[in-house]
Amino acid sequence: MEFVIILAVIIVLLLILGVNVYVIIQGLLWLMEVILIGMTLFFLLSIILLLLGKWQDAAFLRVEKEGSFGHAVYRLGDAEHRNLYPAEGFLQNLIYRKTSVRVRFWEHGRLHALFDRYSILIAALGLPLSAAGAVLLGMFLLWM
């Protein structure tokens, strides 16, 4: 939310300084392109971690709220690990059940990433959609 407010203040200041509206819109589109490229890289990293990870049995414990997003917490062996992606806010009692589930877990030293089946679905859909969006917006920006 703060990002939107800061962006609105910057746009108003640019309009007061007499910057052309076309240039402001083009700058916003380039900002969207950078965000889409960042999303694509994040999903690509997630897919790589998914491929490097191993299937393990885990037990769902709880959804841990942190700020405005919560994370599903699973028990693997003796340790508790949070899901890499935020927990679903809609229908949590249907999605997260206190049963044993199969998760994909990657660990390297102190770094680790846990993916449940919903995270795998999000990564699998997010990579091609964000990449397609970045390519299409990039083509549009180069055409402008």
Foldseek 3Di string as FASTA:
>chain_A
DVVVVVLVVVVVVCVVVPPDVVVSVLVVLVVVLVVLVVLLVVLVVVVVQQVQFDKAKWFWDDWDDDPPFTWTWIDGPNDIDTAPDTDDPPPNPVPHDGDIAIWTKGDDPPDIHIGGPVNVVCSVVRNVVSVVVSVVSVVVSVVD
